[in-house]
Amino acid sequence: MVHPLTPETLIYDIATAAEPQISPDGRRVVYALGQAVRGKKQPSSQLWMCNLDGSNARKVDEISAEENRERFLLLHPYRWLPDGRLLYATQPTGIGGYILYGDWNGMRLYDPASGSITVLVGDDERLGLSLSSISNNLSMAALSGEGVRVRRLSSGVEVLLPPTAGLTTCGDGEFSPSDEWLAYACGRNNPDDEAGQVLLAPVDGSLAPQVLFNDSGNAPHVMGWIDEDTILIQTFSRFEYAGEIWRVQRNGTRLTRLSEGIFIGFMP
C-alpha cells in the first residue's frame, strides 16, 4: 500500500506512514502519518484509513504543526473494536530519560460509518504518558502513576489501585475481557536498582491487590489478557535489550515461562 501523494502531503519534507492495523472484517487498514514540516521544528501528525488495496483513502484526524507548538502530540492507532469502530490515541513525542511505562495522553473513538469522532479522554488534561488503556465496554480508563487509577468516564470518579511497598511507579493497566479485573505493573523507578511486580485487583478496589509476578532485576510489563483467566507478562532489560515472556493465571497459579524474546503483539 502506498500513501497517496496529494498536494497537501507534498508541502512537507518528510512523510512517514507507520503502525498499520487491519480492521476485524479484513476490509480496511488504518495507519499513522508523521510529517516534519518545512521551517518548523514541531511535527504534525495524521491518521489515515483506506481499503486494503489503497483505494478510498481518507484522513480520519490531524494534529497540525501549529497545534503542536507546545505539546508535540502524535496520533496512533490503538485498537479496532469488533463492531468496526476504531480507538486511537495521542502520545507526546520528544520525551527522554528513564521511563518505565510509556503509555498515552488521550483517547478518541472513530466511527467509519458516520465519520464521527468522540473524545473519551481529552488532551487538555495533559496526562503525558499516563493513560494506560480503555476498558472493553468503553466505560473506564486506567491511568498510571503512584498506583493505577480506574476512572469511570461518565462521572470522572476514580478508584486507586495501589502498588506494594517499595514500588513507586506503575503502568500497563490492562482490563480483563469482562472489565471486572485490572492487571497492572509497578517498579522502583531506579535504573541502578530496579525491581518490580505485576499486580491484580478488581476495578472497584473491593479487594487488596494480589501479586501475580515478581521480578527482582527489572520492572515487568503486562502485555494483555489471553482470556478471562490468563495474563501475558514480559520481563525486559532495557540495557541489554533482552526479555522473557510469561503466562500466569488470574488466581496466581500456573506461572509459565513461554519463551525468550520481545513481545510484538497478539495475532487474531
C-alpha atoms as a PDB file:
ATOM      1  CA  MET A   1       0.000   0.000   0.000  1.00  0.00           C
ATOM      2  CA  VAL A   2       1.347   3.441  -0.949  1.00  0.00           C
ATOM      3  CA  HIS A   3       0.039   6.591   0.673  1.00  0.00           C
ATOM      4  CA  PRO A   4      -1.413   8.962  -1.941  1.00  0.00           C
ATOM      5  CA  LEU A   5       0.844  11.944  -2.734  1.00  0.00           C
ATOM      6  CA  THR A   6      -1.647  14.770  -2.641  1.00  0.00           C
ATOM      7  CA  PRO A   7      -0.698  18.471  -2.868  1.00  0.00           C
ATOM      8  CA  GLU A   8      -1.229  18.616   0.896  1.00  0.00           C
ATOM      9  CA  THR A   9       1.396  15.968   1.613  1.00  0.00           C
ATOM     10  CA  LEU A  10       3.893  17.415  -0.861  1.00  0.00           C
ATOM     11  CA  ILE A  11       4.441  20.572   1.203  1.00  0.00           C
ATOM     12  CA  TYR A  12       6.244  18.520   3.840  1.00  0.00           C
ATOM     13  CA  ASP A  13       9.888  17.480   3.857  1.00  0.00           C
ATOM     14  CA  ILE A  14       9.235  14.048   5.378  1.00  0.00           C
ATOM     15  CA  ALA A  15       6.071  11.943   5.420  1.00  0.00           C
ATOM     16  CA  THR A  16       6.309   8.514   7.036  1.00  0.00           C
ATOM     17  CA  ALA A  17       3.425   6.040   7.263  1.00  0.00           C
ATOM     18  CA  ALA A  18       3.591   3.620  10.197  1.00  0.00           C
ATOM     19  CA  GLU A  19       1.645   1.390  12.611  1.00  0.00           C
ATOM     20  CA  PRO A  20      -0.851  -0.138  10.153  1.00  0.00           C
ATOM     21  CA  GLN A  21      -3.752  -2.081  11.687  1.00  0.00           C
ATOM     22  CA  ILE A  22      -6.265  -4.115   9.660  1.00  0.00           C
ATOM     23  CA  SER A  23      -9.951  -3.973  10.603  1.00  0.00           C
ATOM     24  CA  PRO A  24     -11.684  -7.084  12.019  1.00  0.00           C
ATOM     25  CA  ASP A  25     -13.534  -7.696   8.737  1.00  0.00           C
ATOM     26  CA  GLY A  26     -10.268  -7.518   6.782  1.00  0.00           C
ATOM     27  CA  ARG A  27     -11.528  -4.733   4.522  1.00  0.00           C
ATOM     28  CA  ARG A  28      -9.774  -1.619   5.843  1.00  0.00           C
ATOM     29  CA  VAL A  29      -6.393  -0.568   7.175  1.00  0.00           C
ATOM     30  CA  VAL A  30      -5.646   2.410   9.403  1.00  0.00           C
ATOM     31  CA  TYR A  31      -2.200   3.946   9.752  1.00  0.00           C
ATOM     32  CA  ALA A  32      -0.432   6.950  11.230  1.00  0.00           C
ATOM     33  CA  LEU A  33       1.320   9.520   9.068  1.00  0.00           C
ATOM     34  CA  GLY A  34       4.005  11.543  10.812  1.00  0.00           C
ATOM     35  CA  GLN A  35       5.303  14.607   8.999  1.00  0.00           C
ATOM     36  CA  ALA A  36       8.148  17.044   9.578  1.00  0.00           C
ATOM     37  CA  VAL A  37       7.115  20.475   8.386  1.00  0.00           C
ATOM     38  CA  ARG A  38       9.428  22.683   6.378  1.00  0.00           C
ATOM     39  CA  GLY A  39      10.774  25.509   8.519  1.00  0.00           C
ATOM     40  CA  LYS A  40       9.215  24.249  11.776  1.00  0.00           C
ATOM     41  CA  LYS A  41      10.729  22.066  14.491  1.00  0.00           C
ATOM     42  CA  GLN A  42       7.428  20.650  15.738  1.00  0.00           C
ATOM     43  CA  PRO A  43       5.829  17.761  13.833  1.00  0.00           C
ATOM     44  CA  SER A  44       2.333  17.358  12.520  1.00  0.00           C
ATOM     45  CA  SER A  45       0.504  14.054  12.753  1.00  0.00           C
ATOM     46  CA  GLN A  46      -2.319  12.479  10.771  1.00  0.00           C
ATOM     47  CA  LEU A  47      -4.383   9.314  10.924  1.00  0.00           C
ATOM     48  CA  TRP A  48      -5.497   7.798   7.614  1.00  0.00           C
ATOM     49  CA  MET A  49      -7.797   4.941   6.634  1.00  0.00           C
ATOM     50  CA  CYS A  50      -8.225   3.166   3.302  1.00  0.00           C
ATOM     51  CA  ASN A  51      -9.260  -0.122   1.724  1.00  0.00           C
ATOM     52  CA  LEU A  52      -6.647  -2.879   1.664  1.00  0.00           C
ATOM     53  CA  ASP A  53      -5.891  -2.155  -1.988  1.00  0.00           C
ATOM     54  CA  GLY A  54      -5.208   1.514  -1.165  1.00  0.00           C
ATOM     55  CA  SER A  55      -8.472   2.824  -2.594  1.00  0.00           C
ATOM     56  CA  ASN A  56     -10.885   5.165  -0.816  1.00  0.00           C
ATOM     57  CA  ALA A  57      -8.144   6.764   1.265  1.00  0.00           C
ATOM     58  CA  ARG A  58      -9.426   9.317   3.762  1.00  0.00           C
ATOM     59  CA  LYS A  59      -7.916  11.337   6.566  1.00  0.00           C
ATOM     60  CA  VAL A  60      -9.509  10.429   9.896  1.00  0.00           C
ATOM     61  CA  ASP A  61      -7.894  13.100  12.074  1.00  0.00           C
ATOM     62  CA  GLU A  62      -4.968  15.507  12.193  1.00  0.00           C
ATOM     63  CA  ILE A  63      -2.873  17.457  14.670  1.00  0.00           C
ATOM     64  CA  SER A  64      -1.248  20.315  12.773  1.00  0.00           C
ATOM     65  CA  ALA A  65       2.248  21.636  13.369  1.00  0.00           C
ATOM     66  CA  GLU A  66       0.707  24.861  14.628  1.00  0.00           C
ATOM     67  CA  GLU A  67      -1.358  22.937  17.200  1.00  0.00           C
ATOM     68  CA  ASN A  68       1.829  21.131  18.243  1.00  0.00           C
ATOM     69  CA  ARG A  69       3.821  24.251  19.094  1.00  0.00           C
ATOM     70  CA  GLU A  70       3.685  23.459  22.809  1.00  0.00           C
ATOM     71  CA  ARG A  71       2.561  19.854  23.185  1.00  0.00           C
ATOM     72  CA  PHE A  72       4.214  17.752  20.394  1.00  0.00           C
ATOM     73  CA  LEU A  73       1.452  15.114  20.184  1.00  0.00           C
ATOM     74  CA  LEU A  74       1.309  12.294  17.657  1.00  0.00           C
ATOM     75  CA  LEU A  75      -1.709  10.188  16.641  1.00  0.00           C
ATOM     76  CA  HIS A  76      -1.520   6.396  16.996  1.00  0.00           C
ATOM     77  CA  PRO A  77      -3.997   3.609  16.111  1.00  0.00           C
ATOM     78  CA  TYR A  78      -4.861   1.862  19.396  1.00  0.00           C
ATOM     79  CA  ARG A  79      -7.282  -0.937  18.559  1.00  0.00           C
ATOM     80  CA  TRP A  80     -10.221  -1.845  16.364  1.00  0.00           C
ATOM     81  CA  LEU A  81     -13.469  -2.767  18.087  1.00  0.00           C
ATOM     82  CA  PRO A  82     -15.413  -5.864  16.955  1.00  0.00           C
ATOM     83  CA  ASP A  83     -18.163  -3.638  15.502  1.00  0.00           C
ATOM     84  CA  GLY A  84     -15.703  -1.880  13.159  1.00  0.00           C
ATOM     85  CA  ARG A  85     -15.184   1.293  15.154  1.00  0.00           C
ATOM     86  CA  LEU A  86     -11.635   2.426  15.905  1.00  0.00           C
ATOM     87  CA  LEU A  87      -9.960   3.584  19.091  1.00  0.00           C
ATOM     88  CA  TYR A  88      -6.947   5.799  18.528  1.00  0.00           C
ATOM     89  CA  ALA A  89      -4.646   7.632  20.897  1.00  0.00           C
ATOM     90  CA  THR A  90      -2.447  10.693  21.225  1.00  0.00           C
ATOM     91  CA  GLN A  91       1.053  10.466  22.662  1.00  0.00           C
ATOM     92  CA  PRO A  92       3.723  13.118  23.301  1.00  0.00           C
ATOM     93  CA  THR A  93       6.990  12.767  21.440  1.00  0.00           C
ATOM     94  CA  GLY A  94      10.479  14.032  22.237  1.00  0.00           C
ATOM     95  CA  ILE A  95      10.394  12.800  25.837  1.00  0.00           C
ATOM     96  CA  GLY A  96      13.648  11.245  27.047  1.00  0.00           C
ATOM     97  CA  GLY A  97      15.039   9.815  30.235  1.00  0.00           C
ATOM     98  CA  TYR A  98      14.312   6.682  32.213  1.00  0.00           C
ATOM     99  CA  ILE A  99      10.649   5.860  31.537  1.00  0.00           C
ATOM    100  CA  LEU A 100       9.233   2.643  32.956  1.00  0.00           C
ATOM    101  CA  TYR A 101       5.740   2.785  31.483  1.00  0.00           C
ATOM    102  CA  GLY A 102       5.173   4.982  28.443  1.00  0.00           C
ATOM    103  CA  ASP A 103       1.512   4.996  27.524  1.00  0.00           C
ATOM    104  CA  TRP A 104      -0.909   7.598  26.088  1.00  0.00           C
ATOM    105  CA  ASN A 105      -2.039  11.197  26.612  1.00  0.00           C
ATOM    106  CA  GLY A 106      -5.598  10.993  25.233  1.00  0.00           C
ATOM    107  CA  MET A 107      -8.021   8.623  23.521  1.00  0.00           C
ATOM    108  CA  ARG A 108     -10.630   9.094  20.780  1.00  0.00           C
ATOM    109  CA  LEU A 109     -13.244   6.879  19.130  1.00  0.00           C
ATOM    110  CA  TYR A 110     -13.876   6.978  15.362  1.00  0.00           C
ATOM    111  CA  ASP A 111     -16.936   5.523  13.622  1.00  0.00           C
ATOM    112  CA  PRO A 112     -16.194   4.911   9.903  1.00  0.00           C
ATOM    113  CA  ALA A 113     -19.905   4.543   9.138  1.00  0.00           C
ATOM    114  CA  SER A 114     -20.825   8.050  10.288  1.00  0.00           C
ATOM    115  CA  GLY A 115     -17.413   9.718  10.228  1.00  0.00           C
ATOM    116  CA  SER A 116     -17.955  10.868  13.828  1.00  0.00           C
ATOM    117  CA  ILE A 117     -15.183  11.276  16.402  1.00  0.00           C
ATOM    118  CA  THR A 118     -15.850  11.026  20.145  1.00  0.00           C
ATOM    119  CA  VAL A 119     -13.242  12.148  22.680  1.00  0.00           C
ATOM    120  CA  LEU A 120     -13.052   9.647  25.547  1.00  0.00           C
ATOM    121  CA  VAL A 121     -10.053  11.162  27.337  1.00  0.00           C
ATOM    122  CA  GLY A 122      -9.127  14.700  26.286  1.00  0.00           C
ATOM    123  CA  ASP A 123      -5.662  16.030  25.519  1.00  0.00           C
ATOM    124  CA  ASP A 124      -6.161  19.187  27.585  1.00  0.00           C
ATOM    125  CA  GLU A 125      -5.772  17.133  30.757  1.00  0.00           C
ATOM    126  CA  ARG A 126      -2.118  16.676  29.739  1.00  0.00           C
ATOM    127  CA  LEU A 127      -1.746  13.156  31.077  1.00  0.00           C
ATOM    128  CA  GLY A 128       1.523  12.766  29.181  1.00  0.00           C
ATOM    129  CA  LEU A 129       2.293   9.035  29.199  1.00  0.00           C
ATOM    130  CA  SER A 130      -0.189   8.106  31.932  1.00  0.00           C
ATOM    131  CA  LEU A 131      -3.244   6.763  30.067  1.00  0.00           C
ATOM    132  CA  SER A 132      -2.682   3.003  30.074  1.00  0.00           C
ATOM    133  CA  SER A 133      -5.852   1.651  28.464  1.00  0.00           C
ATOM    134  CA  ILE A 134      -9.597   1.899  27.860  1.00  0.00           C
ATOM    135  CA  SER A 135     -11.948  -0.838  29.028  1.00  0.00           C
ATOM    136  CA  ASN A 136     -13.589  -3.142  26.504  1.00  0.00           C
ATOM    137  CA  ASN A 137     -17.021  -1.611  27.133  1.00  0.00           C
ATOM    138  CA  LEU A 138     -15.545   1.916  26.767  1.00  0.00           C
ATOM    139  CA  SER A 139     -16.793   2.960  30.214  1.00  0.00           C
ATOM    140  CA  MET A 140     -13.468   3.119  32.093  1.00  0.00           C
ATOM    141  CA  ALA A 141      -9.883   4.277  31.682  1.00  0.00           C
ATOM    142  CA  ALA A 142      -6.763   3.100  33.533  1.00  0.00           C
ATOM    143  CA  LEU A 143      -4.447   5.993  34.474  1.00  0.00           C
ATOM    144  CA  SER A 144      -0.981   5.287  35.836  1.00  0.00           C
ATOM    145  CA  GLY A 145       1.324   6.950  38.331  1.00  0.00           C
ATOM    146  CA  GLU A 146       1.812   6.082  42.008  1.00  0.00           C
ATOM    147  CA  GLY A 147      -0.541   3.167  41.576  1.00  0.00           C
ATOM    148  CA  VAL A 148      -3.231   2.924  38.884  1.00  0.00           C
ATOM    149  CA  ARG A 149      -6.463   4.915  38.951  1.00  0.00           C
ATOM    150  CA  VAL A 150      -9.556   3.363  37.368  1.00  0.00           C
ATOM    151  CA  ARG A 151     -11.728   6.233  36.123  1.00  0.00           C
ATOM    152  CA  ARG A 152     -15.411   5.962  35.246  1.00  0.00           C
ATOM    153  CA  LEU A 153     -15.616   8.052  32.078  1.00  0.00           C
ATOM    154  CA  SER A 154     -19.244   9.041  32.588  1.00  0.00           C
ATOM    155  CA  SER A 155     -18.722  10.527  36.049  1.00  0.00           C
ATOM    156  CA  GLY A 156     -14.984  11.074  36.396  1.00  0.00           C
ATOM    157  CA  VAL A 157     -14.998   9.118  39.680  1.00  0.00           C
ATOM    158  CA  GLU A 158     -11.715   7.284  40.255  1.00  0.00           C
ATOM    159  CA  VAL A 159     -10.626   4.279  42.345  1.00  0.00           C
ATOM    160  CA  LEU A 160      -6.937   3.995  43.263  1.00  0.00           C
ATOM    161  CA  LEU A 161      -5.290   0.579  42.967  1.00  0.00           C
ATOM    162  CA  PRO A 162      -2.018   0.971  44.916  1.00  0.00           C
ATOM    163  CA  PRO A 163       1.457  -0.528  44.482  1.00  0.00           C
ATOM    164  CA  THR A 164       3.068  -2.680  47.138  1.00  0.00           C
ATOM    165  CA  ALA A 165       5.693  -1.228  49.498  1.00  0.00           C
ATOM    166  CA  GLY A 166       8.893  -0.046  47.850  1.00  0.00           C
ATOM    167  CA  LEU A 167       7.454   0.356  44.352  1.00  0.00           C
ATOM    168  CA  THR A 168       6.865   3.930  43.239  1.00  0.00           C
ATOM    169  CA  THR A 169       5.776   3.918  39.583  1.00  0.00           C
ATOM    170  CA  CYS A 170       3.007   1.904  37.958  1.00  0.00           C
ATOM    171  CA  GLY A 171       1.570   1.469  34.483  1.00  0.00           C
ATOM    172  CA  ASP A 172       0.427  -1.069  31.887  1.00  0.00           C
ATOM    173  CA  GLY A 173      -3.079  -1.248  33.364  1.00  0.00           C
ATOM    174  CA  GLU A 174      -4.983  -3.819  31.276  1.00  0.00           C
ATOM    175  CA  PHE A 175      -8.665  -4.690  31.755  1.00  0.00           C
ATOM    176  CA  SER A 176      -9.808  -8.309  31.686  1.00  0.00           C
ATOM    177  CA  PRO A 177     -12.250  -9.296  28.898  1.00  0.00           C
ATOM    178  CA  SER A 178     -15.153  -8.907  31.352  1.00  0.00           C
ATOM    179  CA  ASP A 179     -13.817  -5.499  32.558  1.00  0.00           C
ATOM    180  CA  GLU A 180     -14.099  -6.762  36.147  1.00  0.00           C
ATOM    181  CA  TRP A 181     -10.347  -7.028  36.802  1.00  0.00           C
ATOM    182  CA  LEU A 182      -7.267  -4.938  36.117  1.00  0.00           C
ATOM    183  CA  ALA A 183      -3.746  -6.323  35.817  1.00  0.00           C
ATOM    184  CA  TYR A 184      -1.009  -3.704  36.180  1.00  0.00           C
ATOM    185  CA  ALA A 185       2.739  -3.464  36.699  1.00  0.00           C
ATOM    186  CA  CYS A 186       4.841  -1.444  39.152  1.00  0.00           C
ATOM    187  CA  GLY A 187       8.566  -0.815  39.582  1.00  0.00           C
ATOM    188  CA  ARG A 188      11.039   1.017  41.809  1.00  0.00           C
ATOM    189  CA  ASN A 189      11.847   3.502  39.027  1.00  0.00           C
ATOM    190  CA  ASN A 190      15.542   3.241  39.886  1.00  0.00           C
ATOM    191  CA  PRO A 191      17.755   2.247  36.940  1.00  0.00           C
ATOM    192  CA  ASP A 192      20.606   1.336  39.318  1.00  0.00           C
ATOM    193  CA  ASP A 193      18.460  -0.950  41.477  1.00  0.00           C
ATOM    194  CA  GLU A 194      15.333  -1.888  39.582  1.00  0.00           C
ATOM    195  CA  ALA A 195      12.731  -4.455  40.583  1.00  0.00           C
ATOM    196  CA  GLY A 196       9.004  -4.790  40.148  1.00  0.00           C
ATOM    197  CA  GLN A 197       5.794  -6.777  40.269  1.00  0.00           C
ATOM    198  CA  VAL A 198       2.633  -7.495  38.304  1.00  0.00           C
ATOM    199  CA  LEU A 199      -0.471  -6.962  40.423  1.00  0.00           C
ATOM    200  CA  LEU A 200      -4.153  -7.789  40.029  1.00  0.00           C
ATOM    201  CA  ALA A 201      -7.213  -6.167  41.601  1.00  0.00           C
ATOM    202  CA  PRO A 202     -10.936  -5.797  40.910  1.00  0.00           C
ATOM    203  CA  VAL A 203     -11.660  -2.491  39.167  1.00  0.00           C
ATOM    204  CA  ASP A 204     -13.844  -1.309  42.050  1.00  0.00           C
ATOM    205  CA  GLY A 205     -10.989  -1.705  44.533  1.00  0.00           C
ATOM    206  CA  SER A 206     -13.048  -4.018  46.739  1.00  0.00           C
ATOM    207  CA  LEU A 207     -10.093  -6.382  47.286  1.00  0.00           C
ATOM    208  CA  ALA A 208      -6.447  -5.642  48.053  1.00  0.00           C
ATOM    209  CA  PRO A 209      -4.116  -6.121  45.057  1.00  0.00           C
ATOM    210  CA  GLN A 210      -2.748  -9.623  44.591  1.00  0.00           C
ATOM    211  CA  VAL A 211       0.855 -10.153  43.473  1.00  0.00           C
ATOM    212  CA  LEU A 212       0.962 -12.329  40.356  1.00  0.00           C
ATOM    213  CA  PHE A 213       4.612 -11.971  39.377  1.00  0.00           C
ATOM    214  CA  ASN A 214       7.875 -10.798  40.967  1.00  0.00           C
ATOM    215  CA  ASP A 215      10.930  -9.590  39.053  1.00  0.00           C
ATOM    216  CA  SER A 216      13.995  -8.933  41.180  1.00  0.00           C
ATOM    217  CA  GLY A 217      16.010  -7.226  38.442  1.00  0.00           C
ATOM    218  CA  ASN A 218      13.603  -5.298  36.214  1.00  0.00           C
ATOM    219  CA  ALA A 219      10.185  -3.667  36.085  1.00  0.00           C
ATOM    220  CA  PRO A 220       7.899  -6.212  34.345  1.00  0.00           C
ATOM    221  CA  HIS A 221       5.188  -5.349  31.826  1.00  0.00           C
ATOM    222  CA  VAL A 222       1.607  -6.525  31.356  1.00  0.00           C
ATOM    223  CA  MET A 223       1.105  -7.314  27.676  1.00  0.00           C
ATOM    224  CA  GLY A 224      -2.585  -8.231  27.879  1.00  0.00           C
ATOM    225  CA  TRP A 225      -5.151 -10.908  28.692  1.00  0.00           C
ATOM    226  CA  ILE A 226      -5.331 -14.117  26.665  1.00  0.00           C
ATOM    227  CA  ASP A 227      -8.752 -14.863  28.196  1.00  0.00           C
ATOM    228  CA  GLU A 228     -10.604 -14.032  31.424  1.00  0.00           C
ATOM    229  CA  ASP A 229      -8.257 -16.249  33.449  1.00  0.00           C
ATOM    230  CA  THR A 230      -4.880 -15.853  31.732  1.00  0.00           C
ATOM    231  CA  ILE A 231      -2.469 -12.899  31.651  1.00  0.00           C
ATOM    232  CA  LEU A 232       0.609 -12.412  29.484  1.00  0.00           C
ATOM    233  CA  ILE A 233       3.669 -10.769  31.070  1.00  0.00           C
ATOM    234  CA  GLN A 234       7.018  -9.650  29.695  1.00  0.00           C
ATOM    235  CA  THR A 235      10.261  -9.029  31.544  1.00  0.00           C
ATOM    236  CA  PHE A 236      12.527  -6.627  29.739  1.00  0.00           C
ATOM    237  CA  SER A 237      16.039  -5.331  30.370  1.00  0.00           C
ATOM    238  CA  ARG A 238      16.325  -2.038  28.501  1.00  0.00           C
ATOM    239  CA  PHE A 239      20.092  -2.042  28.904  1.00  0.00           C
ATOM    240  CA  GLU A 240      20.598  -5.478  27.352  1.00  0.00           C
ATOM    241  CA  TYR A 241      17.561  -5.379  25.026  1.00  0.00           C
ATOM    242  CA  ALA A 242      16.561  -8.854  26.148  1.00  0.00           C
ATOM    243  CA  GLY A 243      13.410 -10.237  27.640  1.00  0.00           C
ATOM    244  CA  GLU A 244      11.243 -13.192  28.544  1.00  0.00           C
ATOM    245  CA  ILE A 245       7.532 -13.858  28.041  1.00  0.00           C
ATOM    246  CA  TRP A 246       5.496 -15.430  30.852  1.00  0.00           C
ATOM    247  CA  ARG A 247       1.927 -16.610  31.323  1.00  0.00           C
ATOM    248  CA  VAL A 248       0.073 -16.669  34.643  1.00  0.00           C
ATOM    249  CA  GLN A 249      -3.463 -17.475  35.770  1.00  0.00           C
ATOM    250  CA  ARG A 250      -5.642 -14.800  37.379  1.00  0.00           C
ATOM    251  CA  ASN A 251      -5.521 -16.695  40.693  1.00  0.00           C
ATOM    252  CA  GLY A 252      -1.708 -16.568  40.658  1.00  0.00           C
ATOM    253  CA  THR A 253      -1.160 -20.215  39.694  1.00  0.00           C
ATOM    254  CA  ARG A 254       0.494 -21.929  36.697  1.00  0.00           C
ATOM    255  CA  LEU A 255       3.208 -19.309  36.200  1.00  0.00           C
ATOM    256  CA  THR A 256       4.884 -20.492  32.986  1.00  0.00           C
ATOM    257  CA  ARG A 257       7.856 -19.121  31.088  1.00  0.00           C
ATOM    258  CA  LEU A 258       6.903 -19.298  27.411  1.00  0.00           C
ATOM    259  CA  SER A 259       9.982 -18.003  25.606  1.00  0.00           C
ATOM    260  CA  GLU A 260      12.854 -15.578  25.400  1.00  0.00           C
ATOM    261  CA  GLY A 261      12.339 -12.547  23.215  1.00  0.00           C
ATOM    262  CA  ILE A 262      10.423  -9.300  22.843  1.00  0.00           C
ATOM    263  CA  PHE A 263       6.622  -9.427  22.668  1.00  0.00           C
ATOM    264  CA  ILE A 264       5.293  -7.825  19.460  1.00  0.00           C
ATOM    265  CA  GLY A 265       1.543  -8.365  19.579  1.00  0.00           C
ATOM    266  CA  PHE A 266      -1.423 -10.723  19.534  1.00  0.00           C
ATOM    267  CA  MET A 267      -2.499 -12.489  16.356  1.00  0.00           C
ATOM    268  CA  PRO A 268      -6.287 -12.650  15.659  1.00  0.00           C
END
